[in-house]
PDB file of N, CA and C in Angstrom:
ATOM      1  N   MET A   1     -22.186  25.682 276.736  1.00  0.00           N
ATOM      2  CA  MET A   1     -20.806  25.454 276.336  1.00  0.00           C
ATOM      3  C   MET A   1     -19.918  25.969 277.503  1.00  0.00           C
ATOM      4  N   THR A   2     -18.873  25.215 277.765  1.00  0.00           N
ATOM      5  CA  THR A   2     -17.975  25.518 278.880  1.00  0.00           C
ATOM      6  C   THR A   2     -17.058  26.696 278.538  1.00  0.00           C
ATOM      7  N   ASP A   3     -16.932  27.628 279.427  1.00  0.00           N
ATOM      8  CA  ASP A   3     -16.006  28.737 279.197  1.00  0.00           C
ATOM      9  C   ASP A   3     -14.582  28.272 279.359  1.00  0.00           C
ATOM     10  N   PRO A   4     -13.755  28.440 278.327  1.00  0.00           N
ATOM     11  CA  PRO A   4     -12.354  27.977 278.380  1.00  0.00           C
ATOM     12  C   PRO A   4     -11.561  28.653 279.540  1.00  0.00           C
ATOM     13  N   ARG A   5     -11.892  29.887 279.864  1.00  0.00           N
ATOM     14  CA  ARG A   5     -11.179  30.568 280.969  1.00  0.00           C
ATOM     15  C   ARG A   5     -11.517  29.876 282.300  1.00  0.00           C
ATOM     16  N   ALA A   6     -12.739  29.484 282.522  1.00  0.00           N
ATOM     17  CA  ALA A   6     -13.096  28.802 283.713  1.00  0.00           C
ATOM     18  C   ALA A   6     -12.433  27.458 283.810  1.00  0.00           C
ATOM     19  N   MET A   7     -12.301  26.757 282.648  1.00  0.00           N
ATOM     20  CA  MET A   7     -11.613  25.479 282.649  1.00  0.00           C
ATOM     21  C   MET A   7     -10.121  25.626 283.010  1.00  0.00           C
ATOM     22  N   VAL A   8      -9.478  26.645 282.461  1.00  0.00           N
ATOM     23  CA  VAL A   8      -8.096  26.943 282.765  1.00  0.00           C
ATOM     24  C   VAL A   8      -7.901  27.324 284.224  1.00  0.00           C
ATOM     25  N   GLN A   9      -8.837  28.132 284.730  1.00  0.00           N
ATOM     26  CA  GLN A   9      -8.770  28.499 286.115  1.00  0.00           C
ATOM     27  C   GLN A   9      -8.875  27.284 286.987  1.00  0.00           C
ATOM     28  N   THR A  10      -9.787  26.386 286.709  1.00  0.00           N
ATOM     29  CA  THR A  10      -9.942  25.195 287.487  1.00  0.00           C
ATOM     30  C   THR A  10      -8.707  24.311 287.431  1.00  0.00           C
ATOM     31  N   MET A  11      -8.076  24.241 286.226  1.00  0.00           N
ATOM     32  CA  MET A  11      -6.838  23.425 286.100  1.00  0.00           C
ATOM     33  C   MET A  11      -5.700  24.077 286.931  1.00  0.00           C
ATOM     34  N   ILE A  12      -5.628  25.389 286.925  1.00  0.00           N
ATOM     35  CA  ILE A  12      -4.620  26.100 287.718  1.00  0.00           C
ATOM     36  C   ILE A  12      -4.857  25.857 289.220  1.00  0.00           C
ATOM     37  N   THR A  13      -6.101  25.902 289.619  1.00  0.00           N
ATOM     38  CA  THR A  13      -6.474  25.686 291.009  1.00  0.00           C
ATOM     39  C   THR A  13      -6.073  24.272 291.458  1.00  0.00           C
ATOM     40  N   LEU A  14      -6.404  23.306 290.625  1.00  0.00           N
ATOM     41  CA  LEU A  14      -6.119  21.883 290.946  1.00  0.00           C
ATOM     42  C   LEU A  14      -4.612  21.633 290.965  1.00  0.00           C
ATOM     43  N   ALA A  15      -3.874  22.190 290.005  1.00  0.00           N
ATOM     44  CA  ALA A  15      -2.463  22.019 289.934  1.00  0.00           C
ATOM     45  C   ALA A  15      -1.789  22.676 291.165  1.00  0.00           C
ATOM     46  N   SER A  16      -2.253  23.864 291.511  1.00  0.00           N
ATOM     47  CA  SER A  16      -1.699  24.541 292.686  1.00  0.00           C
ATOM     48  C   SER A  16      -1.901  23.720 293.971  1.00  0.00           C
ATOM     49  N   ALA A  17      -3.101  23.206 294.117  1.00  0.00           N
ATOM     50  CA  ALA A  17      -3.401  22.416 295.325  1.00  0.00           C
ATOM     51  C   ALA A  17      -2.556  21.154 295.372  1.00  0.00           C
ATOM     52  N   SER A  18      -2.458  20.467 294.244  1.00  0.00           N
ATOM     53  CA  SER A  18      -1.658  19.254 294.279  1.00  0.00           C
ATOM     54  C   SER A  18      -0.165  19.507 294.437  1.00  0.00           C
ATOM     55  N   LEU A  19       0.353  20.566 293.824  1.00  0.00           N
ATOM     56  CA  LEU A  19       1.781  20.887 294.044  1.00  0.00           C
ATOM     57  C   LEU A  19       2.003  21.362 295.473  1.00  0.00           C
ATOM     58  N   GLY A  20       1.004  22.090 296.023  1.00  0.00           N
ATOM     59  CA  GLY A  20       1.158  22.480 297.415  1.00  0.00           C
ATOM     60  C   GLY A  20       1.218  21.266 298.344  1.00  0.00           C
ATOM     61  N   LEU A  21       0.417  20.242 298.077  1.00  0.00           N
ATOM     62  CA  LEU A  21       0.434  19.051 298.853  1.00  0.00           C
ATOM     63  C   LEU A  21       1.803  18.340 298.747  1.00  0.00           C
ATOM     64  N   VAL A  22       2.348  18.283 297.539  1.00  0.00           N
ATOM     65  CA  VAL A  22       3.658  17.663 297.353  1.00  0.00           C
ATOM     66  C   VAL A  22       4.711  18.430 298.138  1.00  0.00           C
ATOM     67  N   ALA A  23       4.689  19.748 298.128  1.00  0.00           N
ATOM     68  CA  ALA A  23       5.605  20.568 298.840  1.00  0.00           C
ATOM     69  C   ALA A  23       5.469  20.341 300.348  1.00  0.00           C
ATOM     70  N   ALA A  24       4.226  20.296 300.794  1.00  0.00           N
ATOM     71  CA  ALA A  24       3.948  20.094 302.245  1.00  0.00           C
ATOM     72  C   ALA A  24       4.518  18.722 302.681  1.00  0.00           C
ATOM     73  N   LEU A  25       4.344  17.680 301.882  1.00  0.00           N
ATOM     74  CA  LEU A  25       4.847  16.398 302.228  1.00  0.00           C
ATOM     75  C   LEU A  25       6.378  16.353 302.224  1.00  0.00           C
ATOM     76  N   ALA A  26       6.979  17.103 301.299  1.00  0.00           N
ATOM     77  CA  ALA A  26       8.484  17.197 301.335  1.00  0.00           C
ATOM     78  C   ALA A  26       8.966  17.902 302.590  1.00  0.00           C
ATOM     79  N   TRP A  27       8.329  19.008 302.966  1.00  0.00           N
ATOM     80  CA  TRP A  27       8.687  19.694 304.207  1.00  0.00           C
ATOM     81  C   TRP A  27       8.443  18.796 305.418  1.00  0.00           C
ATOM     82  N   ASN A  28       7.395  18.030 305.377  1.00  0.00           N
ATOM     83  CA  ASN A  28       7.077  17.124 306.470  1.00  0.00           C
ATOM     84  C   ASN A  28       8.280  16.171 306.660  1.00  0.00           C
ATOM     85  N   GLU A  29       8.733  15.556 305.578  1.00  0.00           N
ATOM     86  CA  GLU A  29       9.855  14.611 305.708  1.00  0.00           C
ATOM     87  C   GLU A  29      11.134  15.337 306.138  1.00  0.00           C
ATOM     88  N   ALA A  30      11.363  16.508 305.605  1.00  0.00           N
ATOM     89  CA  ALA A  30      12.616  17.277 305.971  1.00  0.00           C
ATOM     90  C   ALA A  30      12.604  17.624 307.458  1.00  0.00           C
ATOM     91  N   ILE A  31      11.473  18.080 307.986  1.00  0.00           N
ATOM     92  CA  ILE A  31      11.408  18.429 309.372  1.00  0.00           C
ATOM     93  C   ILE A  31      11.582  17.183 310.263  1.00  0.00           C
ATOM     94  N   LYS A  32      10.922  16.123 309.855  1.00  0.00           N
ATOM     95  CA  LYS A  32      11.072  14.847 310.644  1.00  0.00           C
ATOM     96  C   LYS A  32      12.503  14.403 310.660  1.00  0.00           C
ATOM     97  N   ALA A  33      13.205  14.431 309.530  1.00  0.00           N
ATOM     98  CA  ALA A  33      14.611  13.990 309.461  1.00  0.00           C
ATOM     99  C   ALA A  33      15.488  14.885 310.313  1.00  0.00           C
ATOM    100  N   THR A  34      15.207  16.207 310.270  1.00  0.00           N
ATOM    101  CA  THR A  34      15.976  17.132 311.078  1.00  0.00           C
ATOM    102  C   THR A  34      15.818  16.857 312.594  1.00  0.00           C
ATOM    103  N   LEU A  35      14.532  16.634 312.989  1.00  0.00           N
ATOM    104  CA  LEU A  35      14.290  16.349 314.382  1.00  0.00           C
ATOM    105  C   LEU A  35      14.928  15.033 314.819  1.00  0.00           C
ATOM    106  N   ALA A  36      14.952  14.064 313.900  1.00  0.00           N
ATOM    107  CA  ALA A  36      15.589  12.766 314.217  1.00  0.00           C
ATOM    108  C   ALA A  36      17.113  12.951 314.395  1.00  0.00           C
ATOM    109  N   LYS A  37      17.730  13.776 313.575  1.00  0.00           N
ATOM    110  CA  LYS A  37      19.155  14.058 313.686  1.00  0.00           C
ATOM    111  C   LYS A  37      19.453  14.771 315.013  1.00  0.00           C
ATOM    112  N   LEU A  38      18.521  15.585 315.476  1.00  0.00           N
ATOM    113  CA  LEU A  38      18.699  16.318 316.717  1.00  0.00           C
ATOM    114  C   LEU A  38      18.344  15.469 317.941  1.00  0.00           C
ATOM    115  N   GLY A  39      17.937  14.226 317.723  1.00  0.00           N
ATOM    116  CA  GLY A  39      17.535  13.348 318.796  1.00  0.00           C
ATOM    117  C   GLY A  39      16.167  13.539 319.322  1.00  0.00           C
ATOM    118  N   LEU A  40      15.318  14.224 318.526  1.00  0.00           N
ATOM    119  CA  LEU A  40      13.938  14.486 318.946  1.00  0.00           C
ATOM    120  C   LEU A  40      12.956  13.766 317.987  1.00  0.00           C
ATOM    121  N   GLY A  41      13.279  12.564 317.605  1.00  0.00           N
ATOM    122  CA  GLY A  41      12.518  11.851 316.573  1.00  0.00           C
ATOM    123  C   GLY A  41      11.056  11.582 316.956  1.00  0.00           C
ATOM    124  N   GLU A  42      10.789  10.413 317.450  1.00  0.00           N
ATOM    125  CA  GLU A  42       9.418   9.959 317.652  1.00  0.00           C
ATOM    126  C   GLU A  42       8.915  10.127 319.100  1.00  0.00           C
ATOM    127  N   ASP A  43       9.707  10.671 319.947  1.00  0.00           N
ATOM    128  CA  ASP A  43       9.266  10.811 321.327  1.00  0.00           C
ATOM    129  C   ASP A  43       8.282  12.037 321.429  1.00  0.00           C
ATOM    130  N   LEU A  44       7.651  12.210 322.556  1.00  0.00           N
ATOM    131  CA  LEU A  44       6.658  13.216 322.744  1.00  0.00           C
ATOM    132  C   LEU A  44       7.194  14.599 322.522  1.00  0.00           C
ATOM    133  N   ALA A  45       8.405  14.895 323.027  1.00  0.00           N
ATOM    134  CA  ALA A  45       9.001  16.205 322.826  1.00  0.00           C
ATOM    135  C   ALA A  45       9.238  16.494 321.319  1.00  0.00           C
ATOM    136  N   GLY A  46       9.625  15.455 320.579  1.00  0.00           N
ATOM    137  CA  GLY A  46       9.809  15.601 319.143  1.00  0.00           C
ATOM    138  C   GLY A  46       8.501  15.885 318.415  1.00  0.00           C
ATOM    139  N   LEU A  47       7.465  15.218 318.826  1.00  0.00           N
ATOM    140  CA  LEU A  47       6.094  15.440 318.184  1.00  0.00           C
ATOM    141  C   LEU A  47       5.649  16.841 318.449  1.00  0.00           C
ATOM    142  N   TYR A  48       5.795  17.302 319.674  1.00  0.00           N
ATOM    143  CA  TYR A  48       5.410  18.689 319.988  1.00  0.00           C
ATOM    144  C   TYR A  48       6.270  19.727 319.283  1.00  0.00           C
ATOM    145  N   THR A  49       7.522  19.423 319.199  1.00  0.00           N
ATOM    146  CA  THR A  49       8.460  20.341 318.455  1.00  0.00           C
ATOM    147  C   THR A  49       8.041  20.396 316.999  1.00  0.00           C
ATOM    148  N   TYR A  50       7.726  19.253 316.420  1.00  0.00           N
ATOM    149  CA  TYR A  50       7.297  19.207 315.064  1.00  0.00           C
ATOM    150  C   TYR A  50       6.004  19.980 314.850  1.00  0.00           C
ATOM    151  N   ALA A  51       5.053  19.761 315.744  1.00  0.00           N
ATOM    152  CA  ALA A  51       3.751  20.466 315.629  1.00  0.00           C
ATOM    153  C   ALA A  51       3.969  21.974 315.753  1.00  0.00           C
ATOM    154  N   ILE A  52       4.789  22.436 316.670  1.00  0.00           N
ATOM    155  CA  ILE A  52       5.066  23.888 316.825  1.00  0.00           C
ATOM    156  C   ILE A  52       5.738  24.461 315.579  1.00  0.00           C
ATOM    157  N   LEU A  53       6.739  23.733 315.081  1.00  0.00           N
ATOM    158  CA  LEU A  53       7.413  24.176 313.864  1.00  0.00           C
ATOM    159  C   LEU A  53       6.453  24.291 312.653  1.00  0.00           C
ATOM    160  N   ALA A  54       5.658  23.273 312.522  1.00  0.00           N
ATOM    161  CA  ALA A  54       4.702  23.241 311.390  1.00  0.00           C
ATOM    162  C   ALA A  54       3.708  24.408 311.513  1.00  0.00           C
ATOM    163  N   THR A  55       3.275  24.690 312.725  1.00  0.00           N
ATOM    164  CA  THR A  55       2.338  25.761 312.971  1.00  0.00           C
ATOM    165  C   THR A  55       3.014  27.108 312.632  1.00  0.00           C
ATOM    166  N   LEU A  56       4.222  27.302 313.133  1.00  0.00           N
ATOM    167  CA  LEU A  56       4.962  28.543 312.861  1.00  0.00           C
ATOM    168  C   LEU A  56       5.169  28.780 311.360  1.00  0.00           C
ATOM    169  N   ILE A  57       5.544  27.705 310.658  1.00  0.00           N
ATOM    170  CA  ILE A  57       5.758  27.841 309.218  1.00  0.00           C
ATOM    171  C   ILE A  57       4.452  28.228 308.519  1.00  0.00           C
ATOM    172  N   ALA A  58       3.320  27.564 308.910  1.00  0.00           N
ATOM    173  CA  ALA A  58       2.043  27.893 308.340  1.00  0.00           C
ATOM    174  C   ALA A  58       1.651  29.314 308.609  1.00  0.00           C
ATOM    175  N   ILE A  59       1.908  29.832 309.808  1.00  0.00           N
ATOM    176  CA  ILE A  59       1.543  31.216 310.133  1.00  0.00           C
ATOM    177  C   ILE A  59       2.360  32.157 309.322  1.00  0.00           C
ATOM    178  N   ILE A  60       3.677  31.921 309.174  1.00  0.00           N
ATOM    179  CA  ILE A  60       4.551  32.773 308.378  1.00  0.00           C
ATOM    180  C   ILE A  60       4.149  32.833 306.939  1.00  0.00           C
ATOM    181  N   VAL A  61       3.911  31.603 306.345  1.00  0.00           N
ATOM    182  CA  VAL A  61       3.501  31.556 304.947  1.00  0.00           C
ATOM    183  C   VAL A  61       2.171  32.270 304.733  1.00  0.00           C
ATOM    184  N   LEU A  62       1.210  32.006 305.580  1.00  0.00           N
ATOM    185  CA  LEU A  62      -0.099  32.667 305.405  1.00  0.00           C
ATOM    186  C   LEU A  62      -0.047  34.195 305.610  1.00  0.00           C
ATOM    187  N   ALA A  63       0.823  34.670 306.524  1.00  0.00           N
ATOM    188  CA  ALA A  63       1.005  36.079 306.706  1.00  0.00           C
ATOM    189  C   ALA A  63       1.629  36.717 305.445  1.00  0.00           C
ATOM    190  N   LEU A  64       2.636  36.052 304.920  1.00  0.00           N
ATOM    191  CA  LEU A  64       3.258  36.575 303.707  1.00  0.00           C
ATOM    192  C   LEU A  64       2.274  36.596 302.499  1.00  0.00           C
ATOM    193  N   LEU A  65       1.493  35.549 302.389  1.00  0.00           N
ATOM    194  CA  LEU A  65       0.469  35.524 301.347  1.00  0.00           C
ATOM    195  C   LEU A  65      -0.588  36.582 301.515  1.00  0.00           C
ATOM    196  N   GLY A  66      -0.961  36.820 302.770  1.00  0.00           N
ATOM    197  CA  GLY A  66      -1.950  37.891 303.066  1.00  0.00           C
ATOM    198  C   GLY A  66      -1.386  39.234 302.682  1.00  0.00           C
ATOM    199  N   ARG A  67      -0.120  39.497 302.955  1.00  0.00           N
ATOM    200  CA  ARG A  67       0.478  40.791 302.579  1.00  0.00           C
ATOM    201  C   ARG A  67       0.521  40.913 301.050  1.00  0.00           C
ATOM    202  N   LEU A  68       0.910  39.815 300.387  1.00  0.00           N
ATOM    203  CA  LEU A  68       0.944  39.871 298.941  1.00  0.00           C
ATOM    204  C   LEU A  68      -0.432  40.128 298.332  1.00  0.00           C
ATOM    205  N   SER A  69      -1.454  39.484 298.926  1.00  0.00           N
ATOM    206  CA  SER A  69      -2.793  39.692 298.448  1.00  0.00           C
ATOM    207  C   SER A  69      -3.251  41.149 298.671  1.00  0.00           C
ATOM    208  N   ALA A  70      -2.874  41.707 299.809  1.00  0.00           N
ATOM    209  CA  ALA A  70      -3.220  43.102 300.060  1.00  0.00           C
ATOM    210  C   ALA A  70      -2.549  44.036 299.052  1.00  0.00           C
ATOM    211  N   LYS A  71      -1.297  43.742 298.729  1.00  0.00           N
ATOM    212  CA  LYS A  71      -0.589  44.580 297.756  1.00  0.00           C
ATOM    213  C   LYS A  71      -1.235  44.494 296.383  1.00  0.00           C
ATOM    214  N   LEU A  72      -1.782  43.315 296.081  1.00  0.00           N
ATOM    215  CA  LEU A  72      -2.435  43.117 294.789  1.00  0.00           C
ATOM    216  C   LEU A  72      -3.855  43.589 294.778  1.00  0.00           C
ATOM    217  N   GLY A  73      -4.329  44.149 295.852  1.00  0.00           N
ATOM    218  CA  GLY A  73      -5.688  44.687 295.919  1.00  0.00           C
ATOM    219  C   GLY A  73      -6.683  43.619 296.338  1.00  0.00           C
ATOM    220  N   GLY A  74      -6.194  42.479 296.896  1.00  0.00           N
ATOM    221  CA  GLY A  74      -7.076  41.484 297.419  1.00  0.00           C
ATOM    222  C   GLY A  74      -7.828  40.685 296.364  1.00  0.00           C
ATOM    223  N   GLN A  75      -7.402  40.802 295.134  1.00  0.00           N
ATOM    224  CA  GLN A  75      -8.104  40.064 294.046  1.00  0.00           C
ATOM    225  C   GLN A  75      -7.207  38.960 293.533  1.00  0.00           C
ATOM    226  N   ALA A  76      -7.831  37.833 293.204  1.00  0.00           N
ATOM    227  CA  ALA A  76      -7.093  36.714 292.605  1.00  0.00           C
ATOM    228  C   ALA A  76      -6.636  37.036 291.223  1.00  0.00           C
ATOM    229  N   ALA A  77      -5.586  36.404 290.771  1.00  0.00           N
ATOM    230  CA  ALA A  77      -5.082  36.627 289.432  1.00  0.00           C
ATOM    231  C   ALA A  77      -6.107  36.206 288.387  1.00  0.00           C
ATOM    232  N   PHE A  78      -6.868  35.166 288.696  1.00  0.00           N
ATOM    233  CA  PHE A  78      -7.917  34.715 287.815  1.00  0.00           C
ATOM    234  C   PHE A  78      -9.255  34.826 288.528  1.00  0.00           C
ATOM    235  N   GLU A  79     -10.218  35.386 287.905  1.00  0.00           N
ATOM    236  CA  GLU A  79     -11.505  35.493 288.549  1.00  0.00           C
ATOM    237  C   GLU A  79     -12.527  34.695 287.709  1.00  0.00           C
ATOM    238  N   ARG A  80     -13.282  33.923 288.369  1.00  0.00           N
ATOM    239  CA  ARG A  80     -14.354  33.142 287.676  1.00  0.00           C
ATOM    240  C   ARG A  80     -15.493  34.049 287.392  1.00  0.00           C
ATOM    241  N   GLU A  81     -15.875  34.115 286.152  1.00  0.00           N
ATOM    242  CA  GLU A  81     -17.036  34.917 285.779  1.00  0.00           C
ATOM    243  C   GLU A  81     -18.317  34.126 286.104  1.00  0.00           C
ATOM    244  N   ALA A  82     -19.311  34.890 286.462  1.00  0.00           N
ATOM    245  CA  ALA A  82     -20.615  34.289 286.802  1.00  0.00           C
ATOM    246  C   ALA A  82     -21.136  33.608 285.538  1.00  0.00           C
ATOM    247  N   GLU A  83     -21.517  32.314 285.751  1.00  0.00           N
ATOM    248  CA  GLU A  83     -22.101  31.624 284.633  1.00  0.00           C
ATOM    249  C   GLU A  83     -23.571  32.024 284.501  1.00  0.00           C
ATOM    250  N   GLY A  84     -23.960  32.346 283.345  1.00  0.00           N
ATOM    251  CA  GLY A  84     -25.286  32.838 283.225  1.00  0.00           C
ATOM    252  C   GLY A  84     -26.067  32.255 282.168  1.00  0.00           C
TER     253      GLY A  84
END
């Protein structure tokens, strides 16, 4: 029999991943539109600027999440129990 907690955890994980993808795509479009307004649209300088901005945003978000995880003791809110 399937553990209901494991099923809920899986649903939360899938929802988080898909919502994260939607947010990433929204940021992608926002950054592209901003660069286009600044005249750095599709040229090489614009592509490098976009890549650097995306990398910096990823580093900042991951650093903040790492700090939050450390404050919480490094444990996930939901832990999958070993199936036995």
